Every structure is written in structure tokens, then in C-alpha cells.
Amino acid sequence: MHFQDSPVVDAFIDLRSPYSYLALQPARRLAERSGTPFDWWPYITDFRSAYGGEVEERSRRDQAKVKYLYMDCRRLARLQGLTIRATTKLWDATLGSEAMLFAKARGRLWAFCDPLLAAFWRREFDLESPAEIEAALTAAGLDVDDWRLWQASEAPAARAAAQTRAEALGVFGAPTFVYKGELFWGSDRLGLLAETLDPLQPWTF
């Protein structure tokens, strides 16, 4: 079966993307209500190109754009009872994305991601810290020795497979949801995805 033919929704999120964070609760409710499986994948967005390089390198226009983005996200976050604080750097999501794939492979995806992301968006978690990632995996009920072995042996291939899947489906940003080859980019497109999954069912988020 080609990726495009799958009856599963491929859901791509960037752990550093506030809009990915905002999409998680409504997307998971949609999966539950529709009965359609969602397969979750990490996606590492090229934020340097999108937002004008490192924080100190950005033009005034790019600074204004990012300032608005976080203001907008804070307003949307309040509607979900979430906290989103602005970033001070461009985080490297490689380690966190690998840990996400490991937690998914061990059946502990949300036990790992939910507390990690809540802490990260409060700016209380270092996404690049091996020690903090290991502590988050332990808190999720995962074995650190198992993680270290998986990271050394399987992580590069798992991360490459996620990237290959994204490229094959035409994903270019996060969050993106793909159902039978049709892309829905952004948390504000979940209503359109809901109509596609079940056009007779009215959805509220």
C-alpha cells in the first residue's frame, strides 16, 4: 500500500512549533470521535529559513512576525487552558524527535510527550538536554538503558524513515495531517479534516 492510500491519518508535529502544540488536544479528540487512527510522527521544520535565521539575526519585519505569532498562540492557548511562552532561541529538535519515536515504539507516546511539552512551553524543559530527555522518558515509565541502546542502534534509521514518509506525502511544515493523500496544514484546518473523515457529523473543537 502506498502512503497516499492509507486509511490512517498521518500526523506530523514539530516539538518546537506552538501551532503543533495547540493542535494536539483537538486532533486527539477528533481521532477518538471519528474512530480514525492517527499515526504520529516528528517533523523538524526549517525555522531559520521561515523566520529569518537566529533570533539575533532577524530583520525588524521577521521580529514583528514572530512577536505576533506568539501573541496569537498565547490567545489560542488560553482557550485550551494551556501556557505558551515565547522562545529565546532556535532549539535543535533532533534529540527530542528521536525520543518521541522511541516512546511511540514502546507504546508510551503521550505519557512522554504530554508532560514534556507542557514543561517545554512553560520554558521549564531543555529540549536539547540528554539528561532531561532521559528523566522525561523515565517519568513516562520507559527504561533508560533500553533508550540508550535504541538511540545508538535504531534512532538514525527511525528518524530517516519519518523524514522519508513526510517527503513522500508532500509535507512541508507542522502540524500537517495527511489522509488518503490529502494534506491539511495547520491546527486551523482540523475542521476541514473532520469534514473529510465524516461529512455527516458536525464537529466542534
Protein backbone atom coordinates (compact mmCIF):
# COMPACT_ATOMS: atom_id res chain seq x y z
CA MET A 1 0.00 0.00 0.00
CA HIS A 2 1.32 3.43 -0.90
CA PHE A 3 1.46 6.06 1.84
CA GLN A 4 -1.19 8.05 -0.05
CA ASP A 5 -3.68 5.16 0.09
CA SER A 6 -3.56 4.66 3.84
CA PRO A 7 -6.88 4.96 5.75
CA VAL A 8 -4.84 6.26 8.68
CA VAL A 9 -4.23 9.97 9.30
CA ASP A 10 -0.50 10.65 9.30
CA ALA A 11 0.02 13.45 11.83
CA PHE A 12 3.30 15.36 11.71
CA ILE A 13 4.25 17.66 14.58
CA ASP A 14 7.30 19.73 15.40
CA LEU A 15 8.00 19.69 19.13
CA ARG A 16 9.17 23.33 18.89
CA SER A 17 6.11 24.54 17.00
CA PRO A 18 3.46 26.29 19.13
CA TYR A 19 0.86 25.55 16.49
CA SER A 20 1.72 21.84 16.70
CA TYR A 21 1.21 22.02 20.46
CA LEU A 22 -2.13 23.76 20.01
CA ALA A 23 -3.27 21.07 17.56
CA LEU A 24 -2.69 18.11 19.86
CA GLN A 25 -5.81 18.22 22.03
CA PRO A 26 -8.33 18.81 19.22
CA ALA A 27 -6.61 16.33 16.90
CA ARG A 28 -6.67 13.60 19.51
CA ARG A 29 -10.33 14.31 20.25
CA LEU A 30 -11.02 14.07 16.52
CA ALA A 31 -9.25 10.72 16.34
CA GLU A 32 -11.33 9.41 19.22
CA ARG A 33 -14.66 10.70 17.95
CA SER A 34 -14.15 9.69 14.32
CA GLY A 35 -12.66 6.30 15.09
CA THR A 36 -9.92 7.03 12.54
CA PRO A 37 -6.42 6.03 13.67
CA PHE A 38 -3.82 8.81 13.77
CA ASP A 39 -0.19 7.85 13.27
CA TRP A 40 2.03 10.48 14.92
CA TRP A 41 5.42 11.49 13.53
CA PRO A 42 8.02 14.13 14.39
CA TYR A 43 8.80 16.72 11.76
CA ILE A 44 11.70 19.16 12.00
CA THR A 45 10.78 22.45 10.35
CA ASP A 46 13.41 24.74 8.85
CA PHE A 47 12.63 27.67 11.16
CA ARG A 48 15.80 29.51 10.19
CA SER A 49 14.54 29.94 6.65
CA ALA A 50 10.97 30.62 7.71
CA TYR A 51 11.73 33.28 10.32
CA GLY A 52 14.94 34.98 9.25
CA GLY A 53 17.72 32.99 10.94
CA GLU A 54 18.77 33.03 14.57
CA VAL A 55 16.94 35.33 16.95
CA GLU A 56 19.66 37.99 16.85
CA GLU A 57 19.87 37.85 13.01
CA ARG A 58 16.23 38.61 12.25
CA SER A 59 15.09 41.71 10.43
CA ARG A 60 12.59 44.03 12.09
CA ARG A 61 9.90 42.54 9.87
CA ASP A 62 10.77 38.98 10.93
CA GLN A 63 10.91 40.05 14.58
CA ALA A 64 7.44 41.56 14.26
CA LYS A 65 6.16 38.40 12.58
CA VAL A 66 7.48 36.15 15.37
CA LYS A 67 6.19 38.54 18.05
CA TYR A 68 2.73 38.38 16.52
CA LEU A 69 2.93 34.60 16.15
CA TYR A 70 3.50 34.10 19.87
CA MET A 71 0.86 36.67 20.82
CA ASP A 72 -1.60 34.82 18.62
CA CYS A 73 -0.60 31.45 20.08
CA ARG A 74 -1.00 32.71 23.65
CA ARG A 75 -4.55 33.81 22.85
CA LEU A 76 -5.35 30.42 21.33
CA ALA A 77 -3.63 28.59 24.19
CA ARG A 78 -5.83 30.30 26.78
CA LEU A 79 -8.87 28.79 25.09
CA GLN A 80 -7.43 25.32 25.82
CA GLY A 81 -6.09 26.14 29.29
CA LEU A 82 -2.51 25.87 28.04
CA THR A 83 0.57 28.01 28.59
CA ILE A 84 2.81 29.11 25.73
CA ARG A 85 5.77 31.38 26.37
CA ALA A 86 7.93 32.91 23.67
CA THR A 87 11.22 31.26 22.81
CA THR A 88 14.63 32.87 23.15
CA LYS A 89 16.47 30.54 20.75
CA LEU A 90 16.01 28.13 17.89
CA TRP A 91 16.04 24.74 19.55
CA ASP A 92 17.52 21.64 17.95
CA ALA A 93 14.66 19.12 17.90
CA THR A 94 16.74 16.10 16.85
CA LEU A 95 17.10 14.50 20.28
CA GLY A 96 13.50 15.16 21.26
CA SER A 97 12.22 13.80 17.96
CA GLU A 98 14.21 10.61 18.40
CA ALA A 99 12.87 10.24 21.94
CA MET A 100 9.34 10.78 20.60
CA LEU A 101 9.84 7.94 18.12
CA PHE A 102 11.21 5.71 20.87
CA ALA A 103 8.25 6.43 23.16
CA LYS A 104 5.88 5.76 20.27
CA ALA A 105 7.61 2.45 19.51
CA ARG A 106 7.22 1.44 23.17
CA GLY A 107 3.55 2.44 23.38
CA ARG A 108 4.17 5.43 25.70
CA LEU A 109 3.92 8.34 23.27
CA TRP A 110 1.60 10.61 25.22
CA ALA A 111 2.91 9.59 28.63
CA PHE A 112 6.19 11.02 27.35
CA CYS A 113 5.06 13.92 25.16
CA ASP A 114 2.31 15.48 27.26
CA PRO A 115 4.34 16.43 30.35
CA LEU A 116 7.43 17.22 28.29
CA LEU A 117 5.59 19.65 26.01
CA ALA A 118 3.72 21.31 28.87
CA ALA A 119 7.04 21.94 30.62
CA PHE A 120 8.79 22.99 27.41
CA TRP A 121 6.17 25.63 26.61
CA ARG A 122 6.42 26.96 30.16
CA ARG A 123 10.18 27.20 29.40
CA GLU A 124 10.95 24.73 32.16
CA PHE A 125 12.42 21.99 29.95
CA ASP A 126 15.62 21.89 27.87
CA LEU A 127 14.75 20.01 24.69
CA GLU A 128 18.43 19.58 23.86
CA SER A 129 19.48 18.09 27.22
CA PRO A 130 20.14 14.32 27.20
CA ALA A 131 19.70 14.24 30.98
CA GLU A 132 16.32 15.96 30.86
CA ILE A 133 15.14 13.78 27.99
CA GLU A 134 16.13 10.69 29.95
CA ALA A 135 14.32 11.99 33.02
CA ALA A 136 11.19 12.54 30.92
CA LEU A 137 11.43 9.02 29.49
CA THR A 138 11.82 7.58 32.98
CA ALA A 139 8.80 9.55 34.21
CA ALA A 140 6.85 8.07 31.30
CA GLY A 141 7.66 4.56 32.52
CA LEU A 142 10.39 3.85 29.97
CA ASP A 143 13.75 2.22 30.60
CA VAL A 144 16.77 4.48 30.11
CA ASP A 145 19.09 1.59 29.21
CA ASP A 146 16.61 0.49 26.57
CA TRP A 147 16.51 4.07 25.27
CA ARG A 148 20.29 4.36 25.08
CA LEU A 149 20.57 1.10 23.17
CA TRP A 150 17.74 2.11 20.81
CA GLN A 151 19.25 5.55 20.28
CA ALA A 152 22.62 4.08 19.36
CA SER A 153 21.28 1.39 17.06
CA GLU A 154 17.86 2.36 15.70
CA ALA A 155 17.34 6.10 16.10
CA PRO A 156 19.05 7.28 12.87
CA ALA A 157 17.03 4.89 10.71
CA ALA A 158 13.79 5.71 12.55
CA ARG A 159 14.32 9.45 12.13
CA ALA A 160 15.23 8.99 8.44
CA ALA A 161 12.09 6.89 7.90
CA ALA A 162 9.93 9.63 9.42
CA GLN A 163 11.55 12.20 7.13
CA THR A 164 11.11 9.95 4.10
CA ARG A 165 7.45 9.47 4.92
CA ALA A 166 6.95 13.23 5.25
CA GLU A 167 8.67 13.90 1.93
CA ALA A 168 6.68 11.17 0.17
CA LEU A 169 3.44 12.73 1.39
CA GLY A 170 4.46 16.26 0.43
CA VAL A 171 4.69 17.60 3.98
CA PHE A 172 6.44 20.98 4.23
CA GLY A 173 5.55 22.22 7.70
CA ALA A 174 3.97 21.30 11.01
CA PRO A 175 1.43 20.49 12.10
CA THR A 176 0.32 18.66 8.99
CA PHE A 177 -2.33 15.94 8.80
CA VAL A 178 -2.49 13.69 5.75
CA TYR A 179 -5.46 11.48 4.93
CA LYS A 180 -5.51 9.41 1.75
CA GLY A 181 -3.00 11.76 0.14
CA GLU A 182 -4.85 14.98 1.07
CA LEU A 183 -2.90 17.47 3.19
CA PHE A 184 -4.30 19.63 5.97
CA TRP A 185 -1.64 22.07 7.14
CA GLY A 186 -2.12 23.90 10.42
CA SER A 187 -4.26 23.47 13.50
CA ASP A 188 -6.90 25.72 11.93
CA ARG A 189 -7.52 23.09 9.22
CA LEU A 190 -8.70 20.39 11.61
CA GLY A 191 -12.32 21.30 10.89
CA LEU A 192 -11.75 20.54 7.22
CA LEU A 193 -10.10 17.25 8.13
CA ALA A 194 -13.08 16.40 10.36
CA GLU A 195 -15.48 17.03 7.47
CA THR A 196 -13.38 14.76 5.27
CA LEU A 197 -13.35 11.95 7.84
CA ASP A 198 -17.10 12.16 8.47
CA PRO A 199 -19.03 14.72 6.37
CA LEU A 200 -22.32 13.94 8.16
CA GLN A 201 -21.02 14.58 11.67
CA PRO A 202 -20.85 18.18 12.95
CA TRP A 203 -17.58 18.77 14.78
CA THR A 204 -16.71 21.25 17.49
CA PHE A 205 -13.23 21.77 18.87
